[in-house]
Amino acid sequence: MQSVKLHSHVGRDGILKLEVPVGMSEVDLEVVVIVQPLAQASTDRPVASWPPGFFKRVAGGWRGELVREPQGEYEARKPLE
């Protein structure tokens, strides 16, 4: 059995047209088609924004003390001329 997953578009005529190359010829096949609409992207918020409720879940989430470790010494550089 071979599984093929496609994303397709139904036009104004309401008919789904499929062309699936299977690499076989002169054989009988059983074909199962499952039609499931894709979830539409929400237009309420930009795609790159924070998920709903994000700040409520993370605000106050840090436990313990905030410590900045020593940063070390800066390298000596030649002065600009």
Protein backbone atom coordinates (compact mmCIF):
# COMPACT_ATOMS: atom_id res chain seq x y z
CA MET A 1 0.00 0.00 0.00
CA GLN A 2 1.26 3.46 -0.85
CA SER A 3 -0.01 6.63 0.83
CA VAL A 4 0.01 9.92 -1.06
CA LYS A 5 -0.89 13.18 0.66
CA LEU A 6 -1.87 16.15 -1.50
CA HIS A 7 -3.02 19.69 -0.88
CA SER A 8 -5.41 20.78 -3.57
CA HIS A 9 -7.82 23.61 -4.33
CA VAL A 10 -11.48 23.36 -5.26
CA GLY A 11 -12.50 25.92 -7.86
CA ARG A 12 -15.77 27.81 -8.23
CA ASP A 13 -17.38 24.78 -9.85
CA GLY A 14 -17.10 22.86 -6.56
CA ILE A 15 -15.31 19.93 -8.19
CA LEU A 16 -12.01 18.59 -6.86
CA LYS A 17 -9.77 17.47 -9.68
CA LEU A 18 -6.95 15.06 -8.82
CA GLU A 19 -4.06 13.87 -10.95
CA VAL A 20 -1.88 11.45 -8.99
CA PRO A 21 1.02 9.71 -10.71
CA VAL A 22 1.43 6.28 -9.10
CA GLY A 23 4.20 4.83 -11.25
CA MET A 24 2.12 1.82 -12.32
CA SER A 25 0.19 0.91 -15.44
CA GLU A 26 -2.28 -1.75 -16.46
CA VAL A 27 -3.25 -2.62 -12.84
CA ASP A 28 -6.45 -2.44 -10.81
CA LEU A 29 -6.25 -0.17 -7.77
CA GLU A 30 -8.38 0.56 -4.76
CA VAL A 31 -8.33 4.30 -4.03
CA VAL A 32 -9.49 5.90 -0.79
CA VAL A 33 -10.06 9.67 -0.74
CA ILE A 34 -10.53 11.57 2.51
CA VAL A 35 -11.65 15.17 2.08
CA GLN A 36 -10.78 17.47 4.97
CA PRO A 37 -10.73 21.28 4.77
CA LEU A 38 -7.47 22.91 5.82
CA ALA A 39 -7.63 25.21 8.83
CA GLN A 40 -7.70 28.80 7.65
CA ALA A 41 -5.18 31.21 9.15
CA SER A 42 -6.85 33.66 11.50
CA THR A 43 -6.88 37.23 10.24
CA ASP A 44 -7.45 38.58 13.76
CA ARG A 45 -3.72 38.94 14.44
CA PRO A 46 -0.51 38.96 12.43
CA VAL A 47 1.15 35.57 11.96
CA ALA A 48 4.36 36.70 13.66
CA SER A 49 2.66 37.99 16.85
CA TRP A 50 2.60 36.35 20.27
CA PRO A 51 0.05 33.54 20.77
CA PRO A 52 -3.13 34.45 22.69
CA GLY A 53 -2.59 34.34 26.46
CA PHE A 54 1.21 34.10 26.15
CA PHE A 55 2.02 36.91 28.57
CA LYS A 56 -0.47 35.69 31.16
CA ARG A 57 1.25 32.29 31.15
CA VAL A 58 4.82 33.61 31.38
CA ALA A 59 4.48 36.81 33.43
CA GLY A 60 6.01 36.16 36.84
CA GLY A 61 7.33 32.82 35.65
CA TRP A 62 10.93 33.43 36.76
CA ARG A 63 11.73 31.78 40.08
CA GLY A 64 14.85 32.62 42.07
CA GLU A 65 17.25 35.52 41.83
CA LEU A 66 18.42 37.11 38.63
CA VAL A 67 22.22 36.94 38.64
CA ARG A 68 24.56 38.39 36.04
CA GLU A 69 27.76 36.41 35.87
CA PRO A 70 31.11 38.24 35.52
CA GLN A 71 31.65 39.36 31.94
CA GLY A 72 35.44 39.01 31.87
CA GLU A 73 37.90 41.54 30.53
CA TYR A 74 37.63 43.39 27.24
CA GLU A 75 40.37 42.79 24.70
CA ALA A 76 42.84 45.62 24.09
CA ARG A 77 42.43 47.13 20.63
CA LYS A 78 44.47 49.57 18.62
CA PRO A 79 43.12 53.11 18.78
CA LEU A 80 41.39 54.46 15.68
CA GLU A 81 43.56 56.83 13.69
